[in-house]
C-alpha atoms as a PDB file:
ATOM      1  CA  MET A   1       0.000   0.000   0.000  1.00  0.00           C
ATOM      2  CA  THR A   2       1.422   3.344  -0.999  1.00  0.00           C
ATOM      3  CA  GLY A   3       0.007   6.645   0.176  1.00  0.00           C
ATOM      4  CA  LEU A   4      -3.305   5.069   1.144  1.00  0.00           C
ATOM      5  CA  SER A   5      -5.596   7.664   2.664  1.00  0.00           C
ATOM      6  CA  VAL A   6      -9.322   7.948   3.184  1.00  0.00           C
ATOM      7  CA  GLY A   7     -11.227  10.837   4.739  1.00  0.00           C
ATOM      8  CA  GLY A   8      -8.222  12.389   6.479  1.00  0.00           C
ATOM      9  CA  ILE A   9      -6.890   9.028   7.654  1.00  0.00           C
ATOM     10  CA  GLY A  10      -3.344   8.202   6.633  1.00  0.00           C
ATOM     11  CA  PRO A  11      -1.416   8.281   4.436  1.00  0.00           C
ATOM     12  CA  ALA A  12      -0.474   4.678   5.113  1.00  0.00           C
ATOM     13  CA  ASP A  13       2.529   3.042   3.496  1.00  0.00           C
ATOM     14  CA  PHE A  14       3.149  -0.632   4.187  1.00  0.00           C
ATOM     15  CA  ASP A  15       3.816  -3.973   2.570  1.00  0.00           C
ATOM     16  CA  ILE A  16       2.561  -7.322   3.744  1.00  0.00           C
ATOM     17  CA  ALA A  17       4.108 -10.541   2.500  1.00  0.00           C
ATOM     18  CA  ALA A  18       2.267 -13.764   1.799  1.00  0.00           C
ATOM     19  CA  GLY A  19       1.710 -15.574   5.093  1.00  0.00           C
ATOM     20  CA  ALA A  20       2.360 -12.477   7.203  1.00  0.00           C
ATOM     21  CA  CYS A  21       0.027 -10.772   9.658  1.00  0.00           C
ATOM     22  CA  LEU A  22      -0.062  -7.030  10.209  1.00  0.00           C
ATOM     23  CA  GLY A  23      -1.866  -5.956  13.367  1.00  0.00           C
ATOM     24  CA  LEU A  24      -3.638  -2.608  13.337  1.00  0.00           C
ATOM     25  CA  THR A  25      -4.667  -0.859  16.518  1.00  0.00           C
ATOM     26  CA  GLY A  26      -5.684   2.583  17.707  1.00  0.00           C
ATOM     27  CA  PRO A  27      -8.414   4.366  19.616  1.00  0.00           C
ATOM     28  CA  SER A  28     -12.075   4.041  18.701  1.00  0.00           C
ATOM     29  CA  GLY A  29     -12.950   6.417  15.889  1.00  0.00           C
ATOM     30  CA  ALA A  30      -9.384   6.678  14.578  1.00  0.00           C
ATOM     31  CA  GLY A  31     -10.368   5.140  11.234  1.00  0.00           C
ATOM     32  CA  LYS A  32      -9.171   1.531  11.415  1.00  0.00           C
ATOM     33  CA  THR A  33     -12.310   0.165   9.737  1.00  0.00           C
ATOM     34  CA  ARG A  34     -12.256   2.835   7.035  1.00  0.00           C
ATOM     35  CA  LEU A  35      -8.634   2.017   6.280  1.00  0.00           C
ATOM     36  CA  LEU A  36      -9.500  -1.695   5.903  1.00  0.00           C
ATOM     37  CA  ARG A  37     -12.442  -0.787   3.672  1.00  0.00           C
ATOM     38  CA  ALA A  38     -10.112   1.314   1.515  1.00  0.00           C
ATOM     39  CA  VAL A  39      -7.698  -1.626   1.164  1.00  0.00           C
ATOM     40  CA  ALA A  40     -10.679  -3.762   0.100  1.00  0.00           C
ATOM     41  CA  ASP A  41     -11.656  -1.043  -2.415  1.00  0.00           C
ATOM     42  CA  LEU A  42     -15.008  -0.627  -0.691  1.00  0.00           C
ATOM     43  CA  GLU A  43     -14.533   3.074   0.010  1.00  0.00           C
ATOM     44  CA  PRO A  44     -13.187   5.868  -2.208  1.00  0.00           C
ATOM     45  CA  HIS A  45      -9.573   6.561  -1.302  1.00  0.00           C
ATOM     46  CA  GLU A  46      -6.315   8.012  -2.470  1.00  0.00           C
ATOM     47  CA  GLY A  47      -3.104   6.086  -2.915  1.00  0.00           C
ATOM     48  CA  GLU A  48      -2.414   2.720  -4.397  1.00  0.00           C
ATOM     49  CA  CYS A  49      -3.072  -0.838  -3.295  1.00  0.00           C
ATOM     50  CA  ARG A  50      -1.215  -3.592  -5.134  1.00  0.00           C
ATOM     51  CA  LEU A  51      -1.469  -7.363  -5.013  1.00  0.00           C
ATOM     52  CA  ASP A  52       1.334  -9.390  -6.549  1.00  0.00           C
ATOM     53  CA  GLY A  53       2.422  -6.261  -8.415  1.00  0.00           C
ATOM     54  CA  ARG A  54      -1.036  -5.576  -9.839  1.00  0.00           C
ATOM     55  CA  SER A  55      -2.862  -2.392  -8.876  1.00  0.00           C
ATOM     56  CA  ALA A  56      -6.417  -2.541  -7.537  1.00  0.00           C
ATOM     57  CA  SER A  57      -7.323   0.126 -10.100  1.00  0.00           C
ATOM     58  CA  ALA A  58      -6.270  -2.272 -12.891  1.00  0.00           C
ATOM     59  CA  MET A  59      -8.710  -4.947 -11.703  1.00  0.00           C
ATOM     60  CA  PRO A  60     -12.513  -5.031 -11.659  1.00  0.00           C
ATOM     61  CA  GLY A  61     -13.748  -4.421  -8.093  1.00  0.00           C
ATOM     62  CA  PRO A  62     -15.301  -7.867  -7.634  1.00  0.00           C
ATOM     63  CA  ALA A  63     -12.072  -9.576  -8.754  1.00  0.00           C
ATOM     64  CA  TRP A  64     -10.033  -7.500  -6.275  1.00  0.00           C
ATOM     65  CA  ARG A  65     -12.456  -8.297  -3.443  1.00  0.00           C
ATOM     66  CA  ARG A  66     -12.282 -12.034  -4.170  1.00  0.00           C
ATOM     67  CA  SER A  67      -8.544 -11.800  -3.553  1.00  0.00           C
ATOM     68  CA  VAL A  68      -8.644  -9.156  -0.797  1.00  0.00           C
ATOM     69  CA  SER A  69     -11.550 -10.078   1.460  1.00  0.00           C
ATOM     70  CA  PHE A  70     -12.953  -7.773   4.171  1.00  0.00           C
ATOM     71  CA  VAL A  71     -14.607  -9.425   7.188  1.00  0.00           C
ATOM     72  CA  ALA A  72     -16.637  -6.736   8.958  1.00  0.00           C
ATOM     73  CA  ALA A  73     -16.973  -6.587  12.736  1.00  0.00           C
ATOM     74  CA  GLU A  74     -20.735  -6.764  12.210  1.00  0.00           C
ATOM     75  CA  PRO A  75     -21.068  -9.013   9.139  1.00  0.00           C
ATOM     76  CA  GLY A  76     -23.854  -8.495   6.636  1.00  0.00           C
ATOM     77  CA  TRP A  77     -26.492 -11.115   5.828  1.00  0.00           C
ATOM     78  CA  TRP A  78     -28.558 -11.099   2.637  1.00  0.00           C
ATOM     79  CA  ASP A  79     -30.852 -14.092   3.236  1.00  0.00           C
ATOM     80  CA  ALA A  80     -32.976 -15.106   6.223  1.00  0.00           C
ATOM     81  CA  ARG A  81     -31.517 -18.635   6.276  1.00  0.00           C
ATOM     82  CA  VAL A  82     -27.934 -19.281   7.407  1.00  0.00           C
ATOM     83  CA  GLY A  83     -27.327 -21.949   4.764  1.00  0.00           C
ATOM     84  CA  ALA A  84     -27.598 -19.421   1.927  1.00  0.00           C
ATOM     85  CA  HIS A  85     -24.526 -17.664   3.337  1.00  0.00           C
ATOM     86  CA  ILE A  86     -22.287 -20.669   3.913  1.00  0.00           C
ATOM     87  CA  GLU A  87     -22.841 -22.885   0.883  1.00  0.00           C
ATOM     88  CA  MET A  88     -19.075 -23.330   0.319  1.00  0.00           C
ATOM     89  CA  VAL A  89     -18.323 -24.082   3.994  1.00  0.00           C
ATOM     90  CA  GLY A  90     -17.746 -27.763   4.734  1.00  0.00           C
ATOM     91  CA  ASP A  91     -19.148 -29.662   7.704  1.00  0.00           C
ATOM     92  CA  ALA A  92     -15.649 -30.210   9.142  1.00  0.00           C
ATOM     93  CA  ASP A  93     -15.095 -26.447   9.140  1.00  0.00           C
ATOM     94  CA  LEU A  94     -18.425 -25.900  10.878  1.00  0.00           C
ATOM     95  CA  ASP A  95     -17.476 -28.483  13.490  1.00  0.00           C
ATOM     96  CA  GLU A  96     -14.094 -26.847  14.062  1.00  0.00           C
ATOM     97  CA  PHE A  97     -15.851 -23.550  14.829  1.00  0.00           C
ATOM     98  CA  GLY A  98     -18.408 -25.182  17.151  1.00  0.00           C
ATOM     99  CA  PHE A  99     -21.377 -25.728  14.841  1.00  0.00           C
ATOM    100  CA  ALA A 100     -23.370 -28.793  13.833  1.00  0.00           C
ATOM    101  CA  PRO A 101     -24.378 -29.062  10.145  1.00  0.00           C
ATOM    102  CA  ALA A 102     -27.942 -28.231  11.242  1.00  0.00           C
ATOM    103  CA  VAL A 103     -26.849 -24.589  11.573  1.00  0.00           C
ATOM    104  CA  ARG A 104     -27.480 -24.356   7.830  1.00  0.00           C
ATOM    105  CA  ASP A 105     -31.233 -24.564   8.548  1.00  0.00           C
ATOM    106  CA  TRP A 106     -31.208 -21.877  11.224  1.00  0.00           C
ATOM    107  CA  SER A 107     -32.639 -18.413  10.809  1.00  0.00           C
ATOM    108  CA  VAL A 108     -30.012 -15.675  10.793  1.00  0.00           C
ATOM    109  CA  GLU A 109     -32.071 -13.910  13.476  1.00  0.00           C
ATOM    110  CA  ARG A 110     -31.353 -16.822  15.815  1.00  0.00           C
ATOM    111  CA  LEU A 111     -27.584 -16.234  15.691  1.00  0.00           C
ATOM    112  CA  SER A 112     -25.739 -14.503  18.496  1.00  0.00           C
ATOM    113  CA  ALA A 113     -23.137 -11.867  17.655  1.00  0.00           C
ATOM    114  CA  GLY A 114     -20.349 -14.420  18.227  1.00  0.00           C
ATOM    115  CA  GLU A 115     -22.026 -17.007  16.014  1.00  0.00           C
ATOM    116  CA  ARG A 116     -22.371 -14.418  13.274  1.00  0.00           C
ATOM    117  CA  GLN A 117     -18.672 -13.567  13.563  1.00  0.00           C
ATOM    118  CA  ARG A 118     -17.568 -17.199  13.313  1.00  0.00           C
ATOM    119  CA  LEU A 119     -19.853 -18.020  10.393  1.00  0.00           C
ATOM    120  CA  ALA A 120     -18.833 -14.883   8.503  1.00  0.00           C
ATOM    121  CA  LEU A 121     -15.172 -15.767   8.974  1.00  0.00           C
ATOM    122  CA  LEU A 122     -15.799 -19.306   7.682  1.00  0.00           C
ATOM    123  CA  ARG A 123     -17.684 -17.873   4.688  1.00  0.00           C
ATOM    124  CA  HIS A 124     -14.722 -15.668   3.773  1.00  0.00           C
ATOM    125  CA  LEU A 125     -12.136 -18.401   4.364  1.00  0.00           C
ATOM    126  CA  ALA A 126     -14.067 -20.804   2.116  1.00  0.00           C
ATOM    127  CA  ALA A 127     -13.648 -18.343  -0.767  1.00  0.00           C
ATOM    128  CA  GLY A 128      -9.846 -18.684  -0.502  1.00  0.00           C
ATOM    129  CA  PRO A 129      -8.686 -15.045  -0.567  1.00  0.00           C
ATOM    130  CA  LEU A 130      -5.009 -14.148  -0.786  1.00  0.00           C
ATOM    131  CA  VAL A 131      -5.423 -11.372   1.797  1.00  0.00           C
ATOM    132  CA  LEU A 132      -7.904 -11.393   4.668  1.00  0.00           C
ATOM    133  CA  LEU A 133      -8.863  -8.084   6.299  1.00  0.00           C
ATOM    134  CA  LEU A 134     -10.256  -8.696   9.783  1.00  0.00           C
ATOM    135  CA  ASP A 135     -12.123  -5.995  11.697  1.00  0.00           C
ATOM    136  CA  GLU A 136     -12.265  -7.038  15.378  1.00  0.00           C
ATOM    137  CA  PRO A 137     -12.785 -10.702  14.371  1.00  0.00           C
ATOM    138  CA  VAL A 138     -13.009 -12.149  17.885  1.00  0.00           C
ATOM    139  CA  SER A 139     -14.656  -9.315  19.818  1.00  0.00           C
ATOM    140  CA  HIS A 140     -17.766 -11.393  20.635  1.00  0.00           C
ATOM    141  CA  LEU A 141     -16.035 -14.722  21.325  1.00  0.00           C
ATOM    142  CA  ASP A 142     -15.073 -16.455  24.551  1.00  0.00           C
ATOM    143  CA  ALA A 143     -11.469 -17.428  25.256  1.00  0.00           C
ATOM    144  CA  ASP A 144     -11.757 -20.991  23.904  1.00  0.00           C
ATOM    145  CA  LEU A 145     -13.272 -19.880  20.594  1.00  0.00           C
ATOM    146  CA  ILE A 146     -10.687 -17.116  20.251  1.00  0.00           C
ATOM    147  CA  GLU A 147      -8.001 -19.804  20.391  1.00  0.00           C
ATOM    148  CA  VAL A 148      -9.818 -21.825  17.705  1.00  0.00           C
ATOM    149  CA  VAL A 149      -9.914 -18.787  15.412  1.00  0.00           C
ATOM    150  CA  ILE A 150      -6.267 -17.915  16.078  1.00  0.00           C
ATOM    151  CA  ALA A 151      -5.191 -21.492  15.304  1.00  0.00           C
ATOM    152  CA  ARG A 152      -7.211 -21.602  12.081  1.00  0.00           C
ATOM    153  CA  LEU A 153      -5.812 -18.302  10.878  1.00  0.00           C
ATOM    154  CA  ALA A 154      -2.273 -19.454  11.718  1.00  0.00           C
ATOM    155  CA  ALA A 155      -2.854 -22.483   9.484  1.00  0.00           C
ATOM    156  CA  CYS A 156      -4.151 -20.241   6.694  1.00  0.00           C
ATOM    157  CA  ARG A 157      -1.054 -18.088   7.016  1.00  0.00           C
ATOM    158  CA  GLN A 158       1.156 -21.170   6.670  1.00  0.00           C
ATOM    159  CA  ASP A 159      -0.640 -21.743   3.370  1.00  0.00           C
ATOM    160  CA  GLY A 160       0.330 -18.219   2.280  1.00  0.00           C
ATOM    161  CA  MET A 161      -2.705 -16.105   3.193  1.00  0.00           C
ATOM    162  CA  ALA A 162      -1.758 -12.608   4.367  1.00  0.00           C
ATOM    163  CA  VAL A 163      -3.815 -11.076   7.172  1.00  0.00           C
ATOM    164  CA  ILE A 164      -4.463  -7.564   8.425  1.00  0.00           C
ATOM    165  CA  TRP A 165      -6.043  -7.877  11.865  1.00  0.00           C
ATOM    166  CA  VAL A 166      -7.680  -4.893  13.607  1.00  0.00           C
ATOM    167  CA  ASP A 167      -7.972  -5.286  17.360  1.00  0.00           C
ATOM    168  CA  HIS A 168      -8.057  -3.124  20.486  1.00  0.00           C
ATOM    169  CA  ASP A 169      -6.335  -5.883  22.476  1.00  0.00           C
ATOM    170  CA  GLY A 170      -2.619  -5.160  22.164  1.00  0.00           C
ATOM    171  CA  ASP A 171      -1.624  -8.398  23.901  1.00  0.00           C
ATOM    172  CA  ARG A 172      -3.614 -10.461  21.402  1.00  0.00           C
ATOM    173  CA  LEU A 173      -2.152  -8.539  18.473  1.00  0.00           C
ATOM    174  CA  GLY A 174       1.299  -9.175  19.908  1.00  0.00           C
ATOM    175  CA  ARG A 175       0.549 -12.918  19.731  1.00  0.00           C
ATOM    176  CA  VAL A 176      -0.868 -13.033  16.205  1.00  0.00           C
ATOM    177  CA  ALA A 177       0.904 -10.272  14.290  1.00  0.00           C
ATOM    178  CA  ASP A 178       4.410 -10.070  12.866  1.00  0.00           C
ATOM    179  CA  ARG A 179       4.258  -6.257  12.941  1.00  0.00           C
ATOM    180  CA  ILE A 180       1.950  -3.746  14.602  1.00  0.00           C
ATOM    181  CA  ALA A 181       0.656  -0.597  12.918  1.00  0.00           C
ATOM    182  CA  ARG A 182      -1.182   2.132  14.735  1.00  0.00           C
ATOM    183  CA  LEU A 183      -3.619   4.876  13.868  1.00  0.00           C
ATOM    184  CA  ASP A 184      -3.604   7.702  16.398  1.00  0.00           C
ATOM    185  CA  SER A 185      -6.658   9.799  17.269  1.00  0.00           C
ATOM    186  CA  THR A 186      -5.875  12.189  14.392  1.00  0.00           C
ATOM    187  CA  GLY A 187      -5.727   9.365  11.832  1.00  0.00           C
ATOM    188  CA  ARG A 188      -1.933   9.419  11.498  1.00  0.00           C
ATOM    189  CA  PHE A 189      -0.571   5.991  10.530  1.00  0.00           C
ATOM    190  CA  SER A 190       2.671   4.510  11.880  1.00  0.00           C
ATOM    191  CA  CYS A 191       4.072   1.010  11.541  1.00  0.00           C
ATOM    192  CA  SER A 192       6.879  -0.651  13.510  1.00  0.00           C
END
């Protein structure tokens, strides 16, 4: 990412290698989610995002977002039935994240915030992106499920998936990330 800025946030300059994890932290309202959305090309921005040398502006938006996938803190649902959202997710993956296959028949309204987070993450992982952008991915999970998610993402990273993980928990970011970037309250970006 070169000179990435959105709405007074940034500019952000950073690279992330295949299999690496960049943690992003900062106070509430600093613009962490907007920066992730800009990387995913979901929000108008300045600067350049490149994937394997190819600019996001040189790719159709849907093609970029298949490779650079944004998992929102509050994931969106377009159908009333869970199964419509997780068609590509296998039963073994559901089991790993604490679900029986019957979850496919549930109403989305029945899901807790933590269940929505886990199912949304599985939905994105099943699509096989090269880069996964995570906005507070474990904020609604208990300690045991957090460990399940961390272990799964570590395995994905071993397979070459890059991750940008937004979190307010600095200790957790220290465990999962290779480097930590920060947005301060004015939107200034710094990366160690």
